[in-house]
Amino acid sequence: MFIFLFLPLVLTGFFLLNPIYRMGFLIIVSIIFYVQWSVEHFILLLTSITINYLFSLILPGSRYKGVLLAIAI
């Protein structure tokens, strides 16, 4: 189903969209894809993304870059 339905729709939508909206489109369809697979795994993935994003905001201004990077990984 993925190769015959989901992938062609996503590729068509991606190339028809204005380049400004392509990244947002890919994020939305990725969320849809992961939720179809398993909601529990999606929550885990979203939590991991959020924590790593927060570490990426803290990391550049910190004196403890090595320690924070080790914690984030």
PDB file of N, CA and C in Angstrom:
ATOM      1  N   MET A   1       0.817  -1.192   0.000  1.00  0.00           N
ATOM      2  CA  MET A   1       0.000   0.000   0.000  1.00  0.00           C
ATOM      3  C   MET A   1       0.865   1.261   0.000  1.00  0.00           C
ATOM      4  N   PHE A   2       1.980   1.195   0.715  1.00  0.00           N
ATOM      5  CA  PHE A   2       2.847   2.366   0.789  1.00  0.00           C
ATOM      6  C   PHE A   2       3.365   2.766  -0.595  1.00  0.00           C
ATOM      7  N   ILE A   3       3.889   1.797  -1.326  1.00  0.00           N
ATOM      8  CA  ILE A   3       4.521   2.101  -2.614  1.00  0.00           C
ATOM      9  C   ILE A   3       3.479   2.499  -3.660  1.00  0.00           C
ATOM     10  N   PHE A   4       2.303   1.900  -3.620  1.00  0.00           N
ATOM     11  CA  PHE A   4       1.315   2.143  -4.662  1.00  0.00           C
ATOM     12  C   PHE A   4       0.356   3.277  -4.367  1.00  0.00           C
ATOM     13  N   LEU A   5       0.216   3.683  -3.115  1.00  0.00           N
ATOM     14  CA  LEU A   5      -0.748   4.733  -2.780  1.00  0.00           C
ATOM     15  C   LEU A   5      -0.092   5.926  -2.080  1.00  0.00           C
ATOM     16  N   PHE A   6       0.528   5.678  -0.950  1.00  0.00           N
ATOM     17  CA  PHE A   6       1.048   6.771  -0.133  1.00  0.00           C
ATOM     18  C   PHE A   6       2.207   7.505  -0.812  1.00  0.00           C
ATOM     19  N   LEU A   7       3.195   6.773  -1.281  1.00  0.00           N
ATOM     20  CA  LEU A   7       4.376   7.390  -1.886  1.00  0.00           C
ATOM     21  C   LEU A   7       4.041   8.216  -3.133  1.00  0.00           C
ATOM     22  N   PRO A   8       3.246   7.705  -4.087  1.00  0.00           N
ATOM     23  CA  PRO A   8       2.915   8.537  -5.246  1.00  0.00           C
ATOM     24  C   PRO A   8       2.142   9.805  -4.879  1.00  0.00           C
ATOM     25  N   LEU A   9       1.235   9.697  -3.901  1.00  0.00           N
ATOM     26  CA  LEU A   9       0.494  10.890  -3.479  1.00  0.00           C
ATOM     27  C   LEU A   9       1.412  11.924  -2.836  1.00  0.00           C
ATOM     28  N   VAL A  10       2.324  11.462  -2.016  1.00  0.00           N
ATOM     29  CA  VAL A  10       3.253  12.375  -1.344  1.00  0.00           C
ATOM     30  C   VAL A  10       4.194  13.028  -2.359  1.00  0.00           C
ATOM     31  N   LEU A  11       4.739  12.245  -3.276  1.00  0.00           N
ATOM     32  CA  LEU A  11       5.636  12.813  -4.282  1.00  0.00           C
ATOM     33  C   LEU A  11       4.914  13.810  -5.189  1.00  0.00           C
ATOM     34  N   THR A  12       3.697  13.489  -5.578  1.00  0.00           N
ATOM     35  CA  THR A  12       2.916  14.415  -6.407  1.00  0.00           C
ATOM     36  C   THR A  12       2.648  15.708  -5.651  1.00  0.00           C
ATOM     37  N   GLY A  13       2.195  15.584  -4.418  1.00  0.00           N
ATOM     38  CA  GLY A  13       1.938  16.772  -3.608  1.00  0.00           C
ATOM     39  C   GLY A  13       3.202  17.590  -3.386  1.00  0.00           C
ATOM     40  N   PHE A  14       4.316  16.915  -3.155  1.00  0.00           N
ATOM     41  CA  PHE A  14       5.585  17.603  -2.910  1.00  0.00           C
ATOM     42  C   PHE A  14       5.994  18.441  -4.119  1.00  0.00           C
ATOM     43  N   PHE A  15       5.935  17.855  -5.303  1.00  0.00           N
ATOM     44  CA  PHE A  15       6.394  18.577  -6.486  1.00  0.00           C
ATOM     45  C   PHE A  15       5.385  19.601  -6.998  1.00  0.00           C
ATOM     46  N   LEU A  16       4.115  19.486  -6.623  1.00  0.00           N
ATOM     47  CA  LEU A  16       3.124  20.479  -7.021  1.00  0.00           C
ATOM     48  C   LEU A  16       3.117  21.704  -6.104  1.00  0.00           C
ATOM     49  N   LEU A  17       3.626  21.528  -4.903  1.00  0.00           N
ATOM     50  CA  LEU A  17       3.615  22.634  -3.939  1.00  0.00           C
ATOM     51  C   LEU A  17       4.714  23.649  -4.218  1.00  0.00           C
ATOM     52  N   ASN A  18       4.464  24.854  -3.764  1.00  0.00           N
ATOM     53  CA  ASN A  18       5.468  25.907  -3.772  1.00  0.00           C
ATOM     54  C   ASN A  18       6.619  25.455  -2.859  1.00  0.00           C
ATOM     55  N   PRO A  19       7.875  25.677  -3.262  1.00  0.00           N
ATOM     56  CA  PRO A  19       9.008  25.229  -2.428  1.00  0.00           C
ATOM     57  C   PRO A  19       8.967  25.724  -0.978  1.00  0.00           C
ATOM     58  N   ILE A  20       8.307  26.815  -0.734  1.00  0.00           N
ATOM     59  CA  ILE A  20       8.218  27.347   0.631  1.00  0.00           C
ATOM     60  C   ILE A  20       7.441  26.387   1.538  1.00  0.00           C
ATOM     61  N   TYR A  21       6.440  25.702   0.989  1.00  0.00           N
ATOM     62  CA  TYR A  21       5.560  24.846   1.782  1.00  0.00           C
ATOM     63  C   TYR A  21       5.964  23.379   1.790  1.00  0.00           C
ATOM     64  N   ARG A  22       6.986  23.017   1.068  1.00  0.00           N
ATOM     65  CA  ARG A  22       7.354  21.613   0.937  1.00  0.00           C
ATOM     66  C   ARG A  22       7.790  20.974   2.250  1.00  0.00           C
ATOM     67  N   MET A  23       8.581  21.674   3.049  1.00  0.00           N
ATOM     68  CA  MET A  23       9.064  21.100   4.315  1.00  0.00           C
ATOM     69  C   MET A  23       7.891  20.838   5.264  1.00  0.00           C
ATOM     70  N   GLY A  24       6.985  21.794   5.361  1.00  0.00           N
ATOM     71  CA  GLY A  24       5.806  21.604   6.208  1.00  0.00           C
ATOM     72  C   GLY A  24       4.948  20.452   5.734  1.00  0.00           C
ATOM     73  N   PHE A  25       4.803  20.316   4.416  1.00  0.00           N
ATOM     74  CA  PHE A  25       4.046  19.211   3.842  1.00  0.00           C
ATOM     75  C   PHE A  25       4.674  17.875   4.218  1.00  0.00           C
ATOM     76  N   LEU A  26       5.993  17.771   4.101  1.00  0.00           N
ATOM     77  CA  LEU A  26       6.674  16.525   4.453  1.00  0.00           C
ATOM     78  C   LEU A  26       6.535  16.199   5.934  1.00  0.00           C
ATOM     79  N   ILE A  27       6.564  17.207   6.777  1.00  0.00           N
ATOM     80  CA  ILE A  27       6.380  16.979   8.216  1.00  0.00           C
ATOM     81  C   ILE A  27       4.981  16.439   8.489  1.00  0.00           C
ATOM     82  N   ILE A  28       3.975  17.036   7.858  1.00  0.00           N
ATOM     83  CA  ILE A  28       2.596  16.606   8.069  1.00  0.00           C
ATOM     84  C   ILE A  28       2.371  15.183   7.575  1.00  0.00           C
ATOM     85  N   VAL A  29       2.855  14.861   6.372  1.00  0.00           N
ATOM     86  CA  VAL A  29       2.639  13.504   5.862  1.00  0.00           C
ATOM     87  C   VAL A  29       3.473  12.484   6.647  1.00  0.00           C
ATOM     88  N   SER A  30       4.604  12.891   7.192  1.00  0.00           N
ATOM     89  CA  SER A  30       5.380  11.986   8.043  1.00  0.00           C
ATOM     90  C   SER A  30       4.610  11.665   9.320  1.00  0.00           C
ATOM     91  N   ILE A  31       3.978  12.668   9.893  1.00  0.00           N
ATOM     92  CA  ILE A  31       3.162  12.449  11.087  1.00  0.00           C
ATOM     93  C   ILE A  31       2.026  11.486  10.773  1.00  0.00           C
ATOM     94  N   ILE A  32       1.374  11.702   9.640  1.00  0.00           N
ATOM     95  CA  ILE A  32       0.283  10.804   9.237  1.00  0.00           C
ATOM     96  C   ILE A  32       0.802   9.379   9.075  1.00  0.00           C
ATOM     97  N   PHE A  33       1.955   9.226   8.456  1.00  0.00           N
ATOM     98  CA  PHE A  33       2.530   7.900   8.243  1.00  0.00           C
ATOM     99  C   PHE A  33       2.831   7.207   9.567  1.00  0.00           C
ATOM    100  N   TYR A  34       3.462   7.905  10.507  1.00  0.00           N
ATOM    101  CA  TYR A  34       3.813   7.282  11.780  1.00  0.00           C
ATOM    102  C   TYR A  34       2.595   6.978  12.640  1.00  0.00           C
ATOM    103  N   VAL A  35       1.568   7.826  12.593  1.00  0.00           N
ATOM    104  CA  VAL A  35       0.362   7.583  13.376  1.00  0.00           C
ATOM    105  C   VAL A  35      -0.374   6.356  12.850  1.00  0.00           C
ATOM    106  N   GLN A  36      -0.346   6.141  11.534  1.00  0.00           N
ATOM    107  CA  GLN A  36      -0.977   4.941  10.980  1.00  0.00           C
ATOM    108  C   GLN A  36      -0.280   3.677  11.464  1.00  0.00           C
ATOM    109  N   TRP A  37       1.003   3.758  11.679  1.00  0.00           N
ATOM    110  CA  TRP A  37       1.771   2.594  12.107  1.00  0.00           C
ATOM    111  C   TRP A  37       1.483   2.277  13.570  1.00  0.00           C
ATOM    112  N   SER A  38       1.705   3.262  14.446  1.00  0.00           N
ATOM    113  CA  SER A  38       1.483   3.032  15.868  1.00  0.00           C
ATOM    114  C   SER A  38       1.492   4.372  16.608  1.00  0.00           C
ATOM    115  N   VAL A  39       0.421   4.651  17.308  1.00  0.00           N
ATOM    116  CA  VAL A  39       0.326   5.903  18.056  1.00  0.00           C
ATOM    117  C   VAL A  39       1.345   5.933  19.191  1.00  0.00           C
ATOM    118  N   GLU A  40       1.558   4.811  19.849  1.00  0.00           N
ATOM    119  CA  GLU A  40       2.511   4.758  20.959  1.00  0.00           C
ATOM    120  C   GLU A  40       3.924   5.068  20.483  1.00  0.00           C
ATOM    121  N   HIS A  41       4.307   4.505  19.361  1.00  0.00           N
ATOM    122  CA  HIS A  41       5.636   4.789  18.830  1.00  0.00           C
ATOM    123  C   HIS A  41       5.757   6.237  18.363  1.00  0.00           C
ATOM    124  N   PHE A  42       4.670   6.785  17.855  1.00  0.00           N
ATOM    125  CA  PHE A  42       4.701   8.183  17.436  1.00  0.00           C
ATOM    126  C   PHE A  42       4.908   9.104  18.629  1.00  0.00           C
ATOM    127  N   ILE A  43       4.258   8.814  19.742  1.00  0.00           N
ATOM    128  CA  ILE A  43       4.438   9.637  20.946  1.00  0.00           C
ATOM    129  C   ILE A  43       5.888   9.575  21.408  1.00  0.00           C
ATOM    130  N   LEU A  44       6.481   8.404  21.370  1.00  0.00           N
ATOM    131  CA  LEU A  44       7.895   8.258  21.723  1.00  0.00           C
ATOM    132  C   LEU A  44       8.781   9.056  20.765  1.00  0.00           C
ATOM    133  N   LEU A  45       8.501   8.968  19.475  1.00  0.00           N
ATOM    134  CA  LEU A  45       9.271   9.710  18.479  1.00  0.00           C
ATOM    135  C   LEU A  45       9.124  11.215  18.674  1.00  0.00           C
ATOM    136  N   LEU A  46       7.916  11.686  18.910  1.00  0.00           N
ATOM    137  CA  LEU A  46       7.678  13.111  19.122  1.00  0.00           C
ATOM    138  C   LEU A  46       8.382  13.611  20.379  1.00  0.00           C
ATOM    139  N   THR A  47       8.389  12.807  21.423  1.00  0.00           N
ATOM    140  CA  THR A  47       9.100  13.172  22.651  1.00  0.00           C
ATOM    141  C   THR A  47      10.597  13.284  22.393  1.00  0.00           C
ATOM    142  N   SER A  48      11.149  12.333  21.674  1.00  0.00           N
ATOM    143  CA  SER A  48      12.577  12.356  21.346  1.00  0.00           C
ATOM    144  C   SER A  48      12.940  13.570  20.504  1.00  0.00           C
ATOM    145  N   ILE A  49      12.123  13.875  19.515  1.00  0.00           N
ATOM    146  CA  ILE A  49      12.369  15.048  18.662  1.00  0.00           C
ATOM    147  C   ILE A  49      12.330  16.323  19.485  1.00  0.00           C
ATOM    148  N   THR A  50      11.345  16.442  20.365  1.00  0.00           N
ATOM    149  CA  THR A  50      11.206  17.644  21.190  1.00  0.00           C
ATOM    150  C   THR A  50      12.398  17.825  22.121  1.00  0.00           C
ATOM    151  N   ILE A  51      12.816  16.768  22.774  1.00  0.00           N
ATOM    152  CA  ILE A  51      13.955  16.860  23.695  1.00  0.00           C
ATOM    153  C   ILE A  51      15.229  17.229  22.942  1.00  0.00           C
ATOM    154  N   ASN A  52      15.471  16.597  21.795  1.00  0.00           N
ATOM    155  CA  ASN A  52      16.669  16.923  21.020  1.00  0.00           C
ATOM    156  C   ASN A  52      16.629  18.344  20.473  1.00  0.00           C
ATOM    157  N   TYR A  53      15.442  18.827  20.104  1.00  0.00           N
ATOM    158  CA  TYR A  53      15.315  20.202  19.642  1.00  0.00           C
ATOM    159  C   TYR A  53      15.639  21.176  20.779  1.00  0.00           C
ATOM    160  N   LEU A  54      15.147  20.896  21.966  1.00  0.00           N
ATOM    161  CA  LEU A  54      15.442  21.765  23.111  1.00  0.00           C
ATOM    162  C   LEU A  54      16.935  21.772  23.426  1.00  0.00           C
ATOM    163  N   PHE A  55      17.575  20.612  23.353  1.00  0.00           N
ATOM    164  CA  PHE A  55      19.025  20.567  23.555  1.00  0.00           C
ATOM    165  C   PHE A  55      19.757  21.363  22.471  1.00  0.00           C
ATOM    166  N   SER A  56      19.239  21.344  21.248  1.00  0.00           N
ATOM    167  CA  SER A  56      19.894  22.100  20.175  1.00  0.00           C
ATOM    168  C   SER A  56      19.794  23.601  20.407  1.00  0.00           C
ATOM    169  N   LEU A  57      18.773  24.036  21.112  1.00  0.00           N
ATOM    170  CA  LEU A  57      18.653  25.457  21.436  1.00  0.00           C
ATOM    171  C   LEU A  57      19.595  25.851  22.572  1.00  0.00           C
ATOM    172  N   ILE A  58      19.794  24.954  23.519  1.00  0.00           N
ATOM    173  CA  ILE A  58      20.635  25.226  24.684  1.00  0.00           C
ATOM    174  C   ILE A  58      22.122  25.100  24.349  1.00  0.00           C
ATOM    175  N   LEU A  59      22.470  24.156  23.502  1.00  0.00           N
ATOM    176  CA  LEU A  59      23.860  23.782  23.240  1.00  0.00           C
ATOM    177  C   LEU A  59      24.771  24.927  22.776  1.00  0.00           C
ATOM    178  N   PRO A  60      24.393  25.760  21.802  1.00  0.00           N
ATOM    179  CA  PRO A  60      25.341  26.766  21.296  1.00  0.00           C
ATOM    180  C   PRO A  60      25.830  27.769  22.342  1.00  0.00           C
ATOM    181  N   GLY A  61      25.006  28.144  23.297  1.00  0.00           N
ATOM    182  CA  GLY A  61      25.408  29.145  24.269  1.00  0.00           C
ATOM    183  C   GLY A  61      25.967  28.584  25.557  1.00  0.00           C
ATOM    184  N   SER A  62      26.157  27.307  25.629  1.00  0.00           N
ATOM    185  CA  SER A  62      26.568  26.675  26.878  1.00  0.00           C
ATOM    186  C   SER A  62      28.080  26.477  26.955  1.00  0.00           C
ATOM    187  N   ARG A  63      28.599  26.509  28.185  1.00  0.00           N
ATOM    188  CA  ARG A  63      30.012  26.205  28.401  1.00  0.00           C
ATOM    189  C   ARG A  63      30.237  24.704  28.462  1.00  0.00           C
ATOM    190  N   TYR A  64      29.190  23.950  28.680  1.00  0.00           N
ATOM    191  CA  TYR A  64      29.295  22.503  28.871  1.00  0.00           C
ATOM    192  C   TYR A  64      28.781  21.743  27.647  1.00  0.00           C
ATOM    193  N   LYS A  65      29.282  22.104  26.484  1.00  0.00           N
ATOM    194  CA  LYS A  65      28.795  21.519  25.234  1.00  0.00           C
ATOM    195  C   LYS A  65      28.980  20.010  25.179  1.00  0.00           C
ATOM    196  N   GLY A  66      30.121  19.532  25.598  1.00  0.00           N
ATOM    197  CA  GLY A  66      30.389  18.096  25.559  1.00  0.00           C
ATOM    198  C   GLY A  66      29.438  17.309  26.443  1.00  0.00           C
ATOM    199  N   VAL A  67      29.202  17.833  27.642  1.00  0.00           N
ATOM    200  CA  VAL A  67      28.321  17.148  28.580  1.00  0.00           C
ATOM    201  C   VAL A  67      26.882  17.155  28.060  1.00  0.00           C
ATOM    202  N   LEU A  68      26.423  18.309  27.578  1.00  0.00           N
ATOM    203  CA  LEU A  68      25.070  18.392  27.053  1.00  0.00           C
ATOM    204  C   LEU A  68      24.879  17.522  25.824  1.00  0.00           C
ATOM    205  N   LEU A  69      25.871  17.484  24.965  1.00  0.00           N
ATOM    206  CA  LEU A  69      25.787  16.638  23.784  1.00  0.00           C
ATOM    207  C   LEU A  69      25.714  15.158  24.166  1.00  0.00           C
ATOM    208  N   ALA A  70      26.488  14.758  25.156  1.00  0.00           N
ATOM    209  CA  ALA A  70      26.456  13.375  25.621  1.00  0.00           C
ATOM    210  C   ALA A  70      25.092  13.029  26.217  1.00  0.00           C
ATOM    211  N   ILE A  71      24.499  13.956  26.958  1.00  0.00           N
ATOM    212  CA  ILE A  71      23.173  13.733  27.533  1.00  0.00           C
ATOM    213  C   ILE A  71      22.125  13.632  26.432  1.00  0.00           C
ATOM    214  N   ALA A  72      22.231  14.507  25.431  1.00  0.00           N
ATOM    215  CA  ALA A  72      21.246  14.526  24.347  1.00  0.00           C
ATOM    216  C   ALA A  72      21.296  13.240  23.518  1.00  0.00           C
ATOM    217  N   ILE A  73      22.476  12.706  23.361  1.00  0.00           N
ATOM    218  CA  ILE A  73      22.614  11.479  22.561  1.00  0.00           C
ATOM    219  C   ILE A  73      22.123  10.314  23.381  1.00  0.00           C
TER     220      ILE A  73
END
